[in-house]
Amino acid sequence: MKINHNTKIKMLDDLYNMIKDIDCVGISILINKNGLWRKHPTWKVFNTAWIFLIDRYNSFLKESDLKIGHIRVDKSSNKNHEEITKIFYGLIDHGTRFQTIDRLSYPKFVNSSGVDGIQIADAFAYCTFQHKMKWKQFDRYWNIVYSKLRKHQFQISDFGYIEYPK
């Protein structure tokens, strides 16, 4: 079924207005592929994004005094299960250069239709990308998403929003 432009905009308006009204905290990671490969030629974009995301999520849990956080990954990304699990075990064993990863349960691969958080995370990621691509339609959505990003002492950059390399 083809959806016309006005219907898409209405759906996006509804989605981001819903996000505005829910109690949630987001972390958004944006990797500049060319910049990453210039700075670190052997680094993989996928791995780098996951390492930053897991590190920031673990920090959020520590700041919130939450004992454990759960990672849910859409199981439709079958080809990435092994890679995500490998990244996670590596971080559990060795930590990041900033911290020990000690507040997260092992990732579970789930059907995204049954986990609301996955759709919200997808909406954050989609909006972050569209904002970076300077699609003006997303300016108002970005304002909503930006207000929900993790803050540390009122700072979002490097806590709830990572753009690497800058």
N, C-alpha and C. Protein backbone atom coordinates (compact mmCIF):
# COMPACT_ATOMS: atom_id res chain seq x y z
N MET A 1 0.85 -1.18 0.00
CA MET A 1 0.00 0.00 0.00
C MET A 1 0.89 1.24 0.00
N LYS A 2 0.63 2.14 -0.90
CA LYS A 2 1.40 3.38 -0.97
C LYS A 2 0.73 4.45 -0.10
N ILE A 3 1.56 5.13 0.68
CA ILE A 3 1.06 6.18 1.57
C ILE A 3 1.46 7.53 0.98
N ASN A 4 0.49 8.43 0.86
CA ASN A 4 0.82 9.74 0.28
C ASN A 4 1.57 10.61 1.30
N HIS A 5 2.15 11.68 0.80
CA HIS A 5 3.00 12.56 1.61
C HIS A 5 2.26 13.12 2.82
N ASN A 6 1.03 13.60 2.63
CA ASN A 6 0.28 14.19 3.74
C ASN A 6 0.00 13.16 4.84
N THR A 7 -0.28 11.94 4.43
CA THR A 7 -0.52 10.87 5.41
C THR A 7 0.76 10.57 6.18
N LYS A 8 1.91 10.53 5.49
CA LYS A 8 3.18 10.30 6.17
C LYS A 8 3.45 11.38 7.20
N ILE A 9 3.22 12.63 6.82
CA ILE A 9 3.45 13.75 7.75
C ILE A 9 2.53 13.64 8.96
N LYS A 10 1.29 13.28 8.74
CA LYS A 10 0.33 13.13 9.84
C LYS A 10 0.79 12.02 10.78
N MET A 11 1.28 10.91 10.22
CA MET A 11 1.76 9.80 11.04
C MET A 11 2.98 10.22 11.85
N LEU A 12 3.91 10.95 11.22
CA LEU A 12 5.08 11.43 11.94
C LEU A 12 4.70 12.42 13.04
N ASP A 13 3.76 13.32 12.73
CA ASP A 13 3.28 14.26 13.75
C ASP A 13 2.73 13.50 14.96
N ASP A 14 1.89 12.49 14.68
CA ASP A 14 1.30 11.70 15.76
C ASP A 14 2.37 10.98 16.58
N LEU A 15 3.34 10.39 15.88
CA LEU A 15 4.40 9.66 16.55
C LEU A 15 5.21 10.56 17.47
N TYR A 16 5.69 11.68 16.94
CA TYR A 16 6.56 12.53 17.76
C TYR A 16 5.78 13.28 18.83
N ASN A 17 4.50 13.56 18.61
CA ASN A 17 3.68 14.15 19.68
C ASN A 17 3.46 13.14 20.80
N MET A 18 3.35 11.86 20.45
CA MET A 18 3.23 10.83 21.47
C MET A 18 4.52 10.76 22.29
N ILE A 19 5.66 10.80 21.60
CA ILE A 19 6.95 10.76 22.30
C ILE A 19 7.09 11.95 23.24
N LYS A 20 6.61 13.10 22.80
CA LYS A 20 6.67 14.31 23.64
C LYS A 20 5.93 14.08 24.96
N ASP A 21 4.87 13.29 24.93
CA ASP A 21 4.01 13.12 26.10
C ASP A 21 4.39 11.94 26.99
N ILE A 22 5.37 11.14 26.59
CA ILE A 22 5.72 10.00 27.44
C ILE A 22 6.98 10.29 28.24
N ASP A 23 7.11 9.59 29.34
CA ASP A 23 8.29 9.71 30.19
C ASP A 23 9.35 8.75 29.67
N CYS A 24 10.34 9.29 29.00
CA CYS A 24 11.42 8.45 28.47
C CYS A 24 12.70 9.28 28.37
N VAL A 25 13.80 8.56 28.31
CA VAL A 25 15.11 9.18 28.13
C VAL A 25 15.76 8.47 26.96
N GLY A 26 16.30 9.24 26.04
CA GLY A 26 16.92 8.65 24.85
C GLY A 26 18.41 8.89 24.79
N ILE A 27 19.06 8.02 24.06
CA ILE A 27 20.47 8.17 23.74
C ILE A 27 20.56 7.96 22.24
N SER A 28 21.16 8.91 21.55
CA SER A 28 21.24 8.83 20.10
C SER A 28 22.71 8.93 19.67
N ILE A 29 23.12 7.97 18.86
CA ILE A 29 24.50 7.89 18.39
C ILE A 29 24.51 8.11 16.89
N LEU A 30 25.33 9.04 16.44
CA LEU A 30 25.46 9.33 15.01
C LEU A 30 26.92 9.18 14.64
N ILE A 31 27.21 8.25 13.75
CA ILE A 31 28.59 8.00 13.33
C ILE A 31 28.80 8.55 11.93
N ASN A 32 29.78 9.43 11.79
CA ASN A 32 30.18 9.94 10.49
C ASN A 32 31.16 8.92 9.91
N LYS A 33 30.66 8.12 8.96
CA LYS A 33 31.46 7.00 8.43
C LYS A 33 32.81 7.46 7.88
N ASN A 34 32.79 8.44 7.01
CA ASN A 34 34.05 8.90 6.41
C ASN A 34 35.01 9.45 7.45
N GLY A 35 34.47 10.22 8.39
CA GLY A 35 35.30 10.76 9.46
C GLY A 35 35.88 9.66 10.34
N LEU A 36 35.07 8.65 10.63
CA LEU A 36 35.55 7.53 11.44
C LEU A 36 36.68 6.81 10.73
N TRP A 37 36.50 6.53 9.45
CA TRP A 37 37.52 5.78 8.70
C TRP A 37 38.80 6.60 8.51
N ARG A 38 38.68 7.93 8.46
CA ARG A 38 39.89 8.76 8.39
C ARG A 38 40.64 8.72 9.72
N LYS A 39 39.88 8.81 10.80
CA LYS A 39 40.49 8.88 12.13
C LYS A 39 40.93 7.49 12.63
N HIS A 40 40.11 6.50 12.38
CA HIS A 40 40.37 5.13 12.85
C HIS A 40 40.06 4.16 11.71
N PRO A 41 40.98 3.96 10.79
CA PRO A 41 40.71 3.17 9.58
C PRO A 41 40.25 1.73 9.84
N THR A 42 40.58 1.16 10.98
CA THR A 42 40.21 -0.23 11.24
C THR A 42 38.91 -0.38 12.02
N TRP A 43 38.35 0.72 12.49
CA TRP A 43 37.12 0.64 13.28
C TRP A 43 35.93 0.37 12.37
N LYS A 44 34.99 -0.40 12.90
CA LYS A 44 33.75 -0.69 12.19
C LYS A 44 32.66 0.25 12.70
N VAL A 45 31.89 0.81 11.78
CA VAL A 45 30.84 1.76 12.13
C VAL A 45 29.84 1.12 13.09
N PHE A 46 29.36 -0.06 12.75
CA PHE A 46 28.36 -0.76 13.56
C PHE A 46 28.86 -0.98 14.98
N ASN A 47 30.08 -1.51 15.11
CA ASN A 47 30.65 -1.78 16.43
C ASN A 47 30.84 -0.49 17.23
N THR A 48 31.34 0.53 16.58
CA THR A 48 31.58 1.81 17.26
C THR A 48 30.28 2.36 17.83
N ALA A 49 29.22 2.34 17.04
CA ALA A 49 27.92 2.85 17.50
C ALA A 49 27.43 2.05 18.70
N TRP A 50 27.53 0.73 18.64
CA TRP A 50 27.07 -0.10 19.75
C TRP A 50 27.91 0.11 21.01
N ILE A 51 29.21 0.25 20.86
CA ILE A 51 30.07 0.48 22.03
C ILE A 51 29.69 1.79 22.71
N PHE A 52 29.53 2.85 21.92
CA PHE A 52 29.12 4.14 22.50
C PHE A 52 27.76 4.03 23.17
N LEU A 53 26.83 3.36 22.52
CA LEU A 53 25.48 3.24 23.06
C LEU A 53 25.48 2.47 24.39
N ILE A 54 26.14 1.34 24.42
CA ILE A 54 26.20 0.54 25.65
C ILE A 54 26.90 1.31 26.77
N ASP A 55 27.97 1.98 26.45
CA ASP A 55 28.69 2.78 27.45
C ASP A 55 27.78 3.85 28.04
N ARG A 56 27.08 4.58 27.19
CA ARG A 56 26.23 5.67 27.69
C ARG A 56 25.02 5.15 28.45
N TYR A 57 24.48 4.02 28.02
CA TYR A 57 23.35 3.43 28.72
C TYR A 57 23.78 2.97 30.12
N ASN A 58 24.92 2.32 30.21
CA ASN A 58 25.44 1.88 31.50
C ASN A 58 25.66 3.08 32.43
N SER A 59 26.20 4.18 31.90
CA SER A 59 26.39 5.40 32.70
C SER A 59 25.06 5.95 33.18
N PHE A 60 24.07 5.97 32.31
CA PHE A 60 22.73 6.44 32.70
C PHE A 60 22.20 5.61 33.86
N LEU A 61 22.36 4.30 33.78
CA LEU A 61 21.87 3.43 34.85
C LEU A 61 22.57 3.74 36.17
N LYS A 62 23.88 3.96 36.13
CA LYS A 62 24.63 4.29 37.34
C LYS A 62 24.15 5.61 37.94
N GLU A 63 23.97 6.63 37.10
CA GLU A 63 23.52 7.93 37.58
C GLU A 63 22.11 7.86 38.16
N SER A 64 21.31 6.96 37.64
CA SER A 64 19.92 6.82 38.08
C SER A 64 19.78 5.89 39.26
N ASP A 65 20.89 5.30 39.70
CA ASP A 65 20.88 4.31 40.77
C ASP A 65 20.00 3.10 40.44
N LEU A 66 19.84 2.82 39.15
CA LEU A 66 19.11 1.63 38.74
C LEU A 66 20.08 0.45 38.76
N LYS A 67 19.63 -0.66 39.26
CA LYS A 67 20.50 -1.81 39.43
C LYS A 67 20.86 -2.47 38.11
N ILE A 68 19.88 -2.57 37.20
CA ILE A 68 20.14 -3.28 35.95
C ILE A 68 19.25 -2.71 34.85
N GLY A 69 19.80 -2.71 33.65
CA GLY A 69 19.05 -2.28 32.47
C GLY A 69 19.01 -3.41 31.47
N HIS A 70 18.03 -3.38 30.62
CA HIS A 70 17.83 -4.45 29.65
C HIS A 70 18.07 -3.92 28.25
N ILE A 71 18.71 -4.74 27.44
CA ILE A 71 18.93 -4.41 26.04
C ILE A 71 18.03 -5.33 25.22
N ARG A 72 17.17 -4.71 24.44
CA ARG A 72 16.27 -5.45 23.55
C ARG A 72 16.60 -5.04 22.13
N VAL A 73 16.82 -6.02 21.27
CA VAL A 73 17.19 -5.76 19.89
C VAL A 73 16.16 -6.44 19.00
N ASP A 74 15.72 -5.73 17.98
CA ASP A 74 14.76 -6.30 17.04
C ASP A 74 15.38 -7.53 16.38
N LYS A 75 14.71 -8.66 16.52
CA LYS A 75 15.28 -9.90 15.98
C LYS A 75 15.25 -9.96 14.47
N SER A 76 14.59 -9.00 13.83
CA SER A 76 14.60 -8.99 12.37
C SER A 76 15.99 -8.66 11.83
N SER A 77 16.85 -8.13 12.69
CA SER A 77 18.22 -7.85 12.27
C SER A 77 19.08 -9.10 12.50
N ASN A 78 18.65 -10.22 11.93
CA ASN A 78 19.29 -11.52 12.14
C ASN A 78 20.79 -11.51 11.94
N LYS A 79 21.25 -10.85 10.89
CA LYS A 79 22.68 -10.91 10.58
C LYS A 79 23.54 -10.26 11.65
N ASN A 80 22.94 -9.44 12.51
CA ASN A 80 23.71 -8.71 13.52
C ASN A 80 23.70 -9.36 14.90
N HIS A 81 22.93 -10.43 15.10
CA HIS A 81 22.85 -11.05 16.43
C HIS A 81 24.23 -11.43 16.95
N GLU A 82 24.96 -12.13 16.14
CA GLU A 82 26.28 -12.62 16.57
C GLU A 82 27.22 -11.45 16.86
N GLU A 83 27.19 -10.44 16.01
CA GLU A 83 28.09 -9.28 16.19
C GLU A 83 27.73 -8.51 17.46
N ILE A 84 26.44 -8.27 17.69
CA ILE A 84 26.00 -7.55 18.89
C ILE A 84 26.38 -8.33 20.14
N THR A 85 26.15 -9.61 20.12
CA THR A 85 26.49 -10.46 21.28
C THR A 85 28.00 -10.42 21.53
N LYS A 86 28.79 -10.49 20.48
CA LYS A 86 30.26 -10.45 20.61
C LYS A 86 30.71 -9.10 21.19
N ILE A 87 30.13 -8.01 20.71
CA ILE A 87 30.47 -6.68 21.24
C ILE A 87 30.14 -6.62 22.72
N PHE A 88 28.95 -7.10 23.07
CA PHE A 88 28.49 -7.04 24.45
C PHE A 88 29.41 -7.85 25.37
N TYR A 89 29.72 -9.09 24.99
CA TYR A 89 30.60 -9.91 25.82
C TYR A 89 31.97 -9.27 25.96
N GLY A 90 32.48 -8.67 24.89
CA GLY A 90 33.76 -7.98 24.96
C GLY A 90 33.73 -6.84 25.95
N LEU A 91 32.62 -6.09 25.98
CA LEU A 91 32.51 -4.98 26.92
C LEU A 91 32.33 -5.47 28.35
N ILE A 92 31.62 -6.56 28.54
CA ILE A 92 31.48 -7.13 29.88
C ILE A 92 32.85 -7.57 30.40
N ASP A 93 33.63 -8.22 29.53
CA ASP A 93 34.94 -8.73 29.93
C ASP A 93 35.98 -7.63 30.13
N HIS A 94 35.95 -6.60 29.28
CA HIS A 94 37.03 -5.61 29.28
C HIS A 94 36.58 -4.18 29.58
N GLY A 95 35.28 -3.92 29.61
CA GLY A 95 34.79 -2.57 29.81
C GLY A 95 35.09 -1.68 28.61
N THR A 96 34.87 -0.41 28.79
CA THR A 96 35.24 0.58 27.78
C THR A 96 36.43 1.33 28.34
N ARG A 97 36.94 2.29 27.62
CA ARG A 97 38.05 3.06 28.17
C ARG A 97 37.58 3.98 29.30
N PHE A 98 36.26 4.08 29.48
CA PHE A 98 35.71 4.97 30.51
C PHE A 98 35.21 4.24 31.75
N GLN A 99 34.76 2.99 31.58
CA GLN A 99 34.12 2.34 32.72
C GLN A 99 33.98 0.83 32.52
N THR A 100 33.68 0.16 33.64
CA THR A 100 33.29 -1.24 33.62
C THR A 100 31.80 -1.29 33.27
N ILE A 101 31.43 -2.20 32.42
CA ILE A 101 30.01 -2.37 32.07
C ILE A 101 29.44 -3.39 33.05
N ASP A 102 28.63 -2.90 33.98
CA ASP A 102 28.19 -3.77 35.07
C ASP A 102 26.70 -3.65 35.41
N ARG A 103 25.95 -2.89 34.62
CA ARG A 103 24.54 -2.67 34.95
C ARG A 103 23.59 -3.23 33.90
N LEU A 104 24.10 -3.97 32.94
CA LEU A 104 23.26 -4.40 31.82
C LEU A 104 23.09 -5.91 31.78
N SER A 105 21.88 -6.33 31.47
CA SER A 105 21.64 -7.75 31.22
C SER A 105 22.06 -8.05 29.79
N TYR A 106 22.26 -9.30 29.50
CA TYR A 106 22.67 -9.67 28.15
C TYR A 106 21.56 -9.34 27.16
N PRO A 107 21.92 -8.96 25.95
CA PRO A 107 20.91 -8.57 24.96
C PRO A 107 19.95 -9.71 24.65
N LYS A 108 18.69 -9.34 24.49
CA LYS A 108 17.67 -10.29 24.05
C LYS A 108 17.16 -9.82 22.70
N PHE A 109 17.00 -10.75 21.81
CA PHE A 109 16.51 -10.44 20.47
C PHE A 109 15.03 -10.78 20.45
N VAL A 110 14.22 -9.75 20.21
CA VAL A 110 12.77 -9.87 20.35
C VAL A 110 12.06 -9.38 19.09
N ASN A 111 10.81 -9.74 19.00
CA ASN A 111 9.96 -9.22 17.94
C ASN A 111 9.59 -7.79 18.31
N SER A 112 10.00 -6.83 17.51
CA SER A 112 9.83 -5.41 17.86
C SER A 112 8.37 -5.00 18.02
N SER A 113 7.46 -5.72 17.39
CA SER A 113 6.06 -5.34 17.52
C SER A 113 5.56 -5.52 18.95
N GLY A 114 6.26 -6.31 19.75
CA GLY A 114 5.83 -6.54 21.13
C GLY A 114 6.60 -5.72 22.15
N VAL A 115 7.51 -4.85 21.70
CA VAL A 115 8.33 -4.08 22.63
C VAL A 115 8.27 -2.61 22.21
N ASP A 116 7.51 -1.82 22.96
CA ASP A 116 7.31 -0.42 22.61
C ASP A 116 8.61 0.36 22.53
N GLY A 117 9.54 0.07 23.37
CA GLY A 117 10.79 0.81 23.40
C GLY A 117 11.57 0.76 22.10
N ILE A 118 11.44 -0.34 21.37
CA ILE A 118 12.18 -0.45 20.12
C ILE A 118 11.65 0.55 19.10
N GLN A 119 10.34 0.72 19.00
CA GLN A 119 9.80 1.70 18.07
C GLN A 119 10.20 3.12 18.46
N ILE A 120 10.24 3.39 19.75
CA ILE A 120 10.64 4.72 20.22
C ILE A 120 12.12 4.95 19.89
N ALA A 121 12.96 3.95 20.13
CA ALA A 121 14.38 4.07 19.79
C ALA A 121 14.55 4.29 18.29
N ASP A 122 13.79 3.56 17.48
CA ASP A 122 13.85 3.76 16.03
C ASP A 122 13.45 5.18 15.64
N ALA A 123 12.44 5.71 16.32
CA ALA A 123 12.00 7.08 16.02
C ALA A 123 13.09 8.09 16.40
N PHE A 124 13.78 7.86 17.51
CA PHE A 124 14.88 8.73 17.90
C PHE A 124 15.98 8.69 16.84
N ALA A 125 16.35 7.46 16.44
CA ALA A 125 17.43 7.30 15.45
C ALA A 125 17.06 7.93 14.11
N TYR A 126 15.85 7.70 13.66
CA TYR A 126 15.39 8.24 12.38
C TYR A 126 15.40 9.77 12.41
N CYS A 127 14.91 10.32 13.50
CA CYS A 127 14.87 11.78 13.63
C CYS A 127 16.28 12.36 13.69
N THR A 128 17.17 11.71 14.41
CA THR A 128 18.55 12.19 14.50
C THR A 128 19.19 12.23 13.12
N PHE A 129 18.99 11.17 12.34
CA PHE A 129 19.55 11.11 11.00
C PHE A 129 18.96 12.20 10.10
N GLN A 130 17.64 12.36 10.14
CA GLN A 130 16.99 13.36 9.29
C GLN A 130 17.41 14.77 9.69
N HIS A 131 17.58 15.00 10.97
CA HIS A 131 18.05 16.30 11.46
C HIS A 131 19.45 16.57 10.91
N LYS A 132 20.32 15.56 10.99
CA LYS A 132 21.69 15.73 10.49
C LYS A 132 21.70 15.97 8.98
N MET A 133 20.75 15.37 8.27
CA MET A 133 20.65 15.56 6.82
C MET A 133 19.95 16.88 6.47
N LYS A 134 19.56 17.59 7.53
CA LYS A 134 18.95 18.93 7.41
C LYS A 134 17.61 18.94 6.67
N TRP A 135 16.81 17.88 6.88
CA TRP A 135 15.47 17.89 6.33
C TRP A 135 14.63 18.77 7.26
N LYS A 136 14.22 19.91 6.77
CA LYS A 136 13.54 20.93 7.59
C LYS A 136 12.29 20.40 8.28
N GLN A 137 11.59 19.45 7.65
CA GLN A 137 10.39 18.87 8.25
C GLN A 137 10.70 18.32 9.64
N PHE A 138 11.93 17.89 9.86
CA PHE A 138 12.28 17.25 11.12
C PHE A 138 12.76 18.22 12.19
N ASP A 139 12.85 19.50 11.88
CA ASP A 139 13.26 20.46 12.90
C ASP A 139 12.37 20.40 14.12
N ARG A 140 11.08 20.39 13.92
CA ARG A 140 10.17 20.36 15.08
C ARG A 140 10.22 19.02 15.80
N TYR A 141 10.41 17.92 15.05
CA TYR A 141 10.54 16.62 15.70
C TYR A 141 11.85 16.54 16.48
N TRP A 142 12.91 17.14 15.90
CA TRP A 142 14.21 17.14 16.57
C TRP A 142 14.10 17.87 17.91
N ASN A 143 13.34 18.94 17.96
CA ASN A 143 13.17 19.67 19.23
C ASN A 143 12.54 18.77 20.28
N ILE A 144 11.61 17.92 19.87
CA ILE A 144 10.98 16.98 20.80
C ILE A 144 12.00 15.94 21.25
N VAL A 145 12.66 15.31 20.28
CA VAL A 145 13.64 14.27 20.59
C VAL A 145 14.77 14.84 21.45
N TYR A 146 15.28 15.99 21.07
CA TYR A 146 16.39 16.61 21.79
C TYR A 146 16.02 16.84 23.26
N SER A 147 14.77 17.21 23.51
CA SER A 147 14.36 17.46 24.90
C SER A 147 14.31 16.17 25.72
N LYS A 148 14.27 15.02 25.05
CA LYS A 148 14.20 13.73 25.74
C LYS A 148 15.55 13.04 25.88
N LEU A 149 16.59 13.60 25.27
CA LEU A 149 17.90 12.97 25.33
C LEU A 149 18.49 13.05 26.73
N ARG A 150 19.28 12.05 27.06
CA ARG A 150 19.93 11.97 28.37
C ARG A 150 20.74 13.22 28.64
N LYS A 151 20.60 13.73 29.84
CA LYS A 151 21.35 14.91 30.26
C LYS A 151 22.19 14.55 31.48
N HIS A 152 23.31 15.19 31.58
CA HIS A 152 24.15 15.07 32.78
C HIS A 152 24.56 16.48 33.14
N GLN A 153 24.11 16.95 34.29
CA GLN A 153 24.35 18.33 34.70
C GLN A 153 23.96 19.29 33.56
N PHE A 154 22.80 19.04 32.99
CA PHE A 154 22.17 19.84 31.94
C PHE A 154 22.89 19.76 30.60
N GLN A 155 23.90 18.91 30.47
CA GLN A 155 24.62 18.78 29.21
C GLN A 155 24.11 17.54 28.47
N ILE A 156 23.82 17.69 27.18
CA ILE A 156 23.36 16.58 26.36
C ILE A 156 24.49 16.01 25.52
N SER A 157 25.29 16.89 24.93
CA SER A 157 26.39 16.44 24.07
C SER A 157 27.33 15.55 24.86
N ASP A 158 27.69 14.43 24.28
CA ASP A 158 28.55 13.41 24.87
C ASP A 158 27.86 12.59 25.96
N PHE A 159 26.61 12.84 26.24
CA PHE A 159 25.87 12.05 27.22
C PHE A 159 24.66 11.40 26.56
N GLY A 160 23.77 12.19 25.99
CA GLY A 160 22.58 11.66 25.34
C GLY A 160 22.65 11.74 23.83
N TYR A 161 23.62 12.49 23.34
CA TYR A 161 23.78 12.63 21.89
C TYR A 161 25.27 12.59 21.58
N ILE A 162 25.66 11.57 20.84
CA ILE A 162 27.05 11.41 20.44
C ILE A 162 27.12 11.54 18.93
N GLU A 163 27.93 12.46 18.47
CA GLU A 163 28.26 12.54 17.05
C GLU A 163 29.75 12.31 16.96
N TYR A 164 30.12 11.20 16.32
CA TYR A 164 31.53 10.83 16.30
C TYR A 164 31.98 10.48 14.89
N PRO A 165 33.17 10.94 14.51
CA PRO A 165 33.89 12.05 15.12
C PRO A 165 33.19 13.36 14.80
N LYS A 166 33.46 14.35 15.63
CA LYS A 166 32.82 15.66 15.44
C LYS A 166 33.47 16.41 14.31
